[in-house]
Amino acid sequence: MGLLDSRTMRFRLLRRRLTISAPRMAVRSALPWPFRWAVLAIVLGFCAAIGLWAFEFGKDIAGLEKGSREELVRLRADLATAQAELATVKSDRDQAQSIANTAGTLVTAEKTSHERVLAQLKQMEMENRTLRDDLGFFEKLIPAAGGEGMAIRSLQAELQGSTKLKWQVLVIQSGKNLAEFNGRLEVTFTGFVNGKPWVASLPGESVAVRVRQYGRIEGEFELPAQAVVKGVTAKVMDGTVVKATQSIKL
């Protein structure tokens, strides 16, 4: 019985320890109190150092943000200034382009006006030359004092290039109760070809002439190569009779 009771008591004690109803146990540190305070002081100092570092870092961040904002404001101001200058440059460019376009238009108009004036001047010179020729022509139509019958009042010849000669003959018949003259005109050219004497006449030898008071006969004569014309002779023929003749030298 004694052994059974002893085992029963041990079981009860073991069960009490393993259940919730077991008595609480307190674990106490074996460190002494001065050492504990020293460790606490070190921890607090470390925490204070971390806090101070975080505070300074925050100040740096705040200062950096402020400087960045100031730099951003300055850059925006510079950008606005650059845009204003660019707008001014564009305006000046547009104005200069407008002036250049206006100047180009004026130059074109001036050139066109100048060309028109030159064309008008050339036309006036041609008309003036024609008027002089007509005046000379009609002056030659005035019959000579006491002269009657057929006469050659003008004989002209002018080179057109190197192988063509333009000629013109003005014939006039003066008198009263004039009948129409039917005859022919012979034109002879004299000169040199390759240094040798040369004589030539119009193709067909003559040109028909029908004149009552006056008439102008003209034409072109093809010259041979290397020909040098020195003189031209015109004759108004009535059959085999020479009614008028005139010669010129070139």
Protein backbone atom coordinates (compact mmCIF):
# COMPACT_ATOMS: atom_id res chain seq x y z
CA MET A 1 0.00 0.00 0.00
CA GLY A 2 2.75 2.36 0.77
CA LEU A 3 4.31 1.91 -2.65
CA LEU A 4 0.99 2.46 -4.41
CA ASP A 5 0.32 5.65 -2.52
CA SER A 6 3.75 6.97 -3.36
CA ARG A 7 3.22 6.35 -7.10
CA THR A 8 -0.20 7.94 -6.96
CA MET A 9 1.21 11.10 -5.40
CA ARG A 10 3.91 11.37 -8.06
CA PHE A 11 1.36 11.00 -10.88
CA ARG A 12 -0.80 13.70 -9.39
CA LEU A 13 2.12 16.06 -9.13
CA LEU A 14 3.18 15.38 -12.74
CA ARG A 15 -0.36 15.93 -14.01
CA ARG A 16 -0.62 19.21 -12.14
CA ARG A 17 2.57 20.46 -13.67
CA LEU A 18 1.47 19.58 -17.23
CA THR A 19 -2.01 21.09 -17.05
CA ILE A 20 -3.25 24.77 -17.06
CA SER A 21 -3.93 24.56 -13.44
CA ALA A 22 -0.24 24.13 -12.90
CA PRO A 23 1.33 26.98 -10.84
CA ARG A 24 3.08 29.81 -12.82
CA MET A 25 6.81 29.92 -13.05
CA ALA A 26 8.85 33.21 -13.13
CA VAL A 27 12.12 33.39 -15.07
CA ARG A 28 14.45 35.95 -13.73
CA SER A 29 17.62 37.21 -15.46
CA ALA A 30 20.84 36.56 -13.86
CA LEU A 31 22.29 40.01 -15.08
CA PRO A 32 23.01 42.53 -12.40
CA TRP A 33 21.11 45.85 -12.41
CA PRO A 34 24.08 48.16 -13.23
CA PHE A 35 24.78 46.18 -16.36
CA ARG A 36 21.14 46.35 -17.31
CA TRP A 37 21.15 50.16 -17.00
CA ALA A 38 24.30 50.43 -19.08
CA VAL A 39 22.75 48.35 -21.90
CA LEU A 40 19.59 50.48 -21.71
CA ALA A 41 21.66 53.67 -21.91
CA ILE A 42 23.51 52.36 -24.96
CA VAL A 43 20.24 51.45 -26.67
CA LEU A 44 18.72 54.85 -25.89
CA GLY A 45 21.84 56.62 -27.19
CA PHE A 46 21.74 54.60 -30.37
CA CYS A 47 18.08 55.44 -30.85
CA ALA A 48 18.81 59.14 -30.23
CA ALA A 49 21.62 59.04 -32.80
CA ILE A 50 19.30 57.42 -35.36
CA GLY A 51 16.64 60.03 -34.65
CA LEU A 52 19.14 62.90 -35.01
CA TRP A 53 20.42 61.44 -38.28
CA ALA A 54 16.83 61.09 -39.60
CA PHE A 55 16.15 64.72 -38.60
CA GLU A 56 19.24 66.03 -40.40
CA PHE A 57 18.49 63.88 -43.44
CA GLY A 58 14.98 65.27 -43.53
CA LYS A 59 16.33 68.80 -43.39
CA ASP A 60 18.68 68.02 -46.27
CA ILE A 61 15.82 66.58 -48.29
CA ALA A 62 13.68 69.62 -47.54
CA GLY A 63 16.50 71.97 -48.58
CA LEU A 64 17.12 70.00 -51.73
CA GLU A 65 13.43 70.12 -52.64
CA LYS A 66 13.40 73.87 -52.03
CA GLY A 67 16.46 74.34 -54.22
CA SER A 68 14.95 72.15 -56.91
CA ARG A 69 11.78 74.21 -56.88
CA GLU A 70 13.79 77.43 -57.15
CA GLU A 71 15.78 75.96 -60.03
CA LEU A 72 12.54 74.85 -61.69
CA VAL A 73 11.09 78.34 -61.33
CA ARG A 74 14.26 79.85 -62.78
CA LEU A 75 14.25 77.42 -65.69
CA ARG A 76 10.61 78.20 -66.40
CA ALA A 77 11.41 81.91 -66.38
CA ASP A 78 14.33 81.32 -68.77
CA LEU A 79 12.06 79.25 -71.01
CA ALA A 80 9.46 82.02 -71.07
CA THR A 81 12.17 84.56 -71.94
CA ALA A 82 13.51 82.32 -74.70
CA GLN A 83 10.03 81.83 -76.10
CA ALA A 84 9.44 85.60 -76.07
CA GLU A 85 12.76 86.16 -77.86
CA LEU A 86 11.88 83.43 -80.37
CA ALA A 87 8.53 85.08 -81.02
CA THR A 88 10.31 88.41 -81.55
CA VAL A 89 12.80 86.79 -83.93
CA LYS A 90 9.95 85.15 -85.85
CA SER A 91 8.12 88.46 -86.05
CA ASP A 92 11.28 90.18 -87.34
CA ARG A 93 11.81 87.36 -89.81
CA ASP A 94 8.24 87.59 -91.07
CA GLN A 95 8.59 91.35 -91.39
CA ALA A 96 11.88 91.00 -93.24
CA GLN A 97 10.33 88.35 -95.50
CA SER A 98 7.40 90.66 -96.18
CA ILE A 99 9.78 93.51 -97.01
CA ALA A 100 11.81 91.18 -99.24
CA ASN A 101 8.66 90.02 -101.02
CA THR A 102 7.54 93.61 -101.48
CA ALA A 103 10.98 94.58 -102.75
CA GLY A 104 10.96 91.59 -105.11
CA THR A 105 7.54 92.61 -106.40
CA LEU A 106 8.73 96.18 -106.88
CA VAL A 107 11.86 94.98 -108.68
CA THR A 108 9.79 92.73 -110.92
CA ALA A 109 7.35 95.56 -111.65
CA GLU A 110 10.25 97.94 -112.30
CA LYS A 111 11.89 95.40 -114.61
CA THR A 112 8.63 94.83 -116.46
CA SER A 113 8.09 98.58 -116.77
CA HIS A 114 11.68 99.04 -117.97
CA GLU A 115 11.25 96.31 -120.58
CA ARG A 116 7.97 97.86 -121.69
CA VAL A 117 9.62 101.28 -122.02
CA LEU A 118 12.49 99.74 -124.00
CA ALA A 119 10.02 98.00 -126.29
CA GLN A 120 8.10 101.25 -126.79
CA LEU A 121 11.35 103.12 -127.43
CA LYS A 122 12.41 100.51 -129.97
CA GLN A 123 9.00 100.71 -131.63
CA MET A 124 9.25 104.51 -131.74
CA GLU A 125 12.74 104.29 -133.26
CA MET A 126 11.41 101.93 -135.94
CA GLU A 127 8.49 104.24 -136.64
CA ASN A 128 10.85 107.22 -136.76
CA ARG A 129 13.09 105.39 -139.21
CA THR A 130 10.07 104.49 -141.32
CA LEU A 131 8.91 108.10 -141.26
CA ARG A 132 12.36 109.29 -142.35
CA ASP A 133 12.39 106.76 -145.16
CA ASP A 134 8.92 107.80 -146.25
CA LEU A 135 9.91 111.47 -146.05
CA GLY A 136 12.99 110.81 -148.16
CA PHE A 137 10.89 108.78 -150.54
CA PHE A 138 8.33 111.54 -151.06
CA GLU A 139 11.06 114.16 -151.30
CA LYS A 140 12.54 112.18 -154.14
CA LEU A 141 9.17 112.12 -155.82
CA ILE A 142 9.30 115.87 -156.29
CA PRO A 143 10.27 116.31 -159.96
CA ALA A 144 13.39 118.26 -160.74
CA ALA A 145 12.91 121.74 -162.15
CA GLY A 146 12.41 121.55 -165.90
CA GLY A 147 12.78 117.76 -165.88
CA GLU A 148 10.24 115.53 -167.59
CA GLY A 149 10.09 111.89 -168.49
CA MET A 150 11.34 108.75 -166.68
CA ALA A 151 14.04 109.03 -164.02
CA ILE A 152 15.61 106.95 -161.26
CA ARG A 153 15.41 109.12 -158.17
CA SER A 154 16.97 106.64 -155.73
CA LEU A 155 19.10 103.50 -155.81
CA GLN A 156 20.00 101.78 -152.54
CA ALA A 157 21.79 98.52 -151.71
CA GLU A 158 22.55 97.01 -148.31
CA LEU A 159 24.27 93.76 -147.34
CA GLN A 160 22.14 91.33 -145.30
CA GLY A 161 24.67 88.97 -143.81
CA SER A 162 27.54 87.68 -145.92
CA THR A 163 25.65 86.16 -148.89
CA LYS A 164 22.62 88.40 -149.42
CA LEU A 165 22.25 91.93 -150.80
CA LYS A 166 19.01 93.88 -150.47
CA TRP A 167 18.40 96.49 -153.18
CA GLN A 168 15.75 99.16 -153.82
CA VAL A 169 15.06 101.41 -156.83
CA LEU A 170 12.71 104.40 -156.90
CA VAL A 171 11.56 105.46 -160.38
CA ILE A 172 9.46 108.52 -161.19
CA GLN A 173 7.76 109.77 -164.36
CA SER A 174 7.12 113.49 -164.49
CA GLY A 175 5.15 115.60 -166.94
CA LYS A 176 1.57 116.27 -167.95
CA ASN A 177 -1.00 113.85 -169.29
CA LEU A 178 1.22 110.91 -168.36
CA ALA A 179 0.51 107.49 -169.79
CA GLU A 180 1.40 104.35 -167.89
CA PHE A 181 4.93 103.24 -168.60
CA ASN A 182 5.48 99.55 -169.25
CA GLY A 183 9.12 98.58 -169.28
CA ARG A 184 11.69 96.62 -167.40
CA LEU A 185 14.38 97.21 -164.80
CA GLU A 186 17.86 95.78 -165.10
CA VAL A 187 20.12 95.68 -162.03
CA THR A 188 23.80 94.81 -162.38
CA PHE A 189 26.25 94.00 -159.55
CA THR A 190 30.02 94.36 -159.89
CA GLY A 191 32.89 93.40 -157.58
CA PHE A 192 35.36 90.59 -156.93
CA VAL A 193 35.17 86.86 -156.19
CA ASN A 194 38.33 85.34 -154.76
CA GLY A 195 40.24 88.43 -155.94
CA LYS A 196 38.99 88.22 -159.54
CA PRO A 197 36.61 90.71 -161.24
CA TRP A 198 32.98 89.67 -161.02
CA VAL A 199 29.76 90.89 -162.71
CA ALA A 200 26.24 89.52 -162.16
CA SER A 201 22.64 90.46 -162.94
CA LEU A 202 19.25 89.68 -161.45
CA PRO A 203 17.80 86.22 -162.13
CA GLY A 204 15.92 86.48 -165.42
CA GLU A 205 18.05 89.52 -166.34
CA SER A 206 15.29 92.07 -165.53
CA VAL A 207 12.15 92.95 -163.55
CA ALA A 208 8.92 94.28 -165.12
CA VAL A 209 8.15 97.93 -164.41
CA ARG A 210 4.70 99.53 -164.72
CA VAL A 211 4.65 103.17 -163.57
CA ARG A 212 2.30 106.10 -164.13
CA GLN A 213 3.86 108.59 -161.69
CA TYR A 214 6.21 106.74 -159.37
CA GLY A 215 7.04 103.26 -158.22
CA ARG A 216 9.37 101.50 -155.83
CA ILE A 217 10.93 98.21 -156.88
CA GLU A 218 12.96 96.17 -154.43
CA GLY A 219 14.34 92.71 -153.95
CA GLU A 220 17.19 90.53 -152.65
CA PHE A 221 20.13 89.09 -154.53
CA GLU A 222 22.00 85.96 -153.46
CA LEU A 223 25.76 86.51 -153.61
CA PRO A 224 28.25 83.74 -154.38
CA ALA A 225 30.69 82.68 -151.73
CA GLN A 226 33.66 84.99 -151.21
CA ALA A 227 31.97 87.73 -153.28
CA VAL A 228 32.76 91.36 -152.51
CA VAL A 229 30.28 93.83 -154.08
CA LYS A 230 31.76 97.16 -155.07
CA GLY A 231 29.02 98.73 -157.17
CA VAL A 232 25.37 98.47 -158.27
CA THR A 233 23.86 99.85 -161.50
CA ALA A 234 20.13 100.15 -162.29
CA LYS A 235 18.65 100.79 -165.74
CA VAL A 236 15.03 101.43 -166.78
CA MET A 237 14.58 99.97 -170.27
CA ASP A 238 11.86 100.55 -172.85
CA GLY A 239 12.60 97.75 -175.24
CA THR A 240 16.21 98.31 -176.14
CA VAL A 241 16.14 102.00 -175.21
CA VAL A 242 17.58 103.09 -171.88
CA LYS A 243 15.08 105.52 -170.29
CA ALA A 244 16.98 106.13 -167.06
CA THR A 245 20.11 104.86 -165.32
CA GLN A 246 21.89 105.29 -162.00
CA SER A 247 24.92 103.73 -160.33
CA ILE A 248 26.20 103.64 -156.73
CA LYS A 249 29.37 102.40 -155.10
CA LEU A 250 29.49 100.32 -151.93
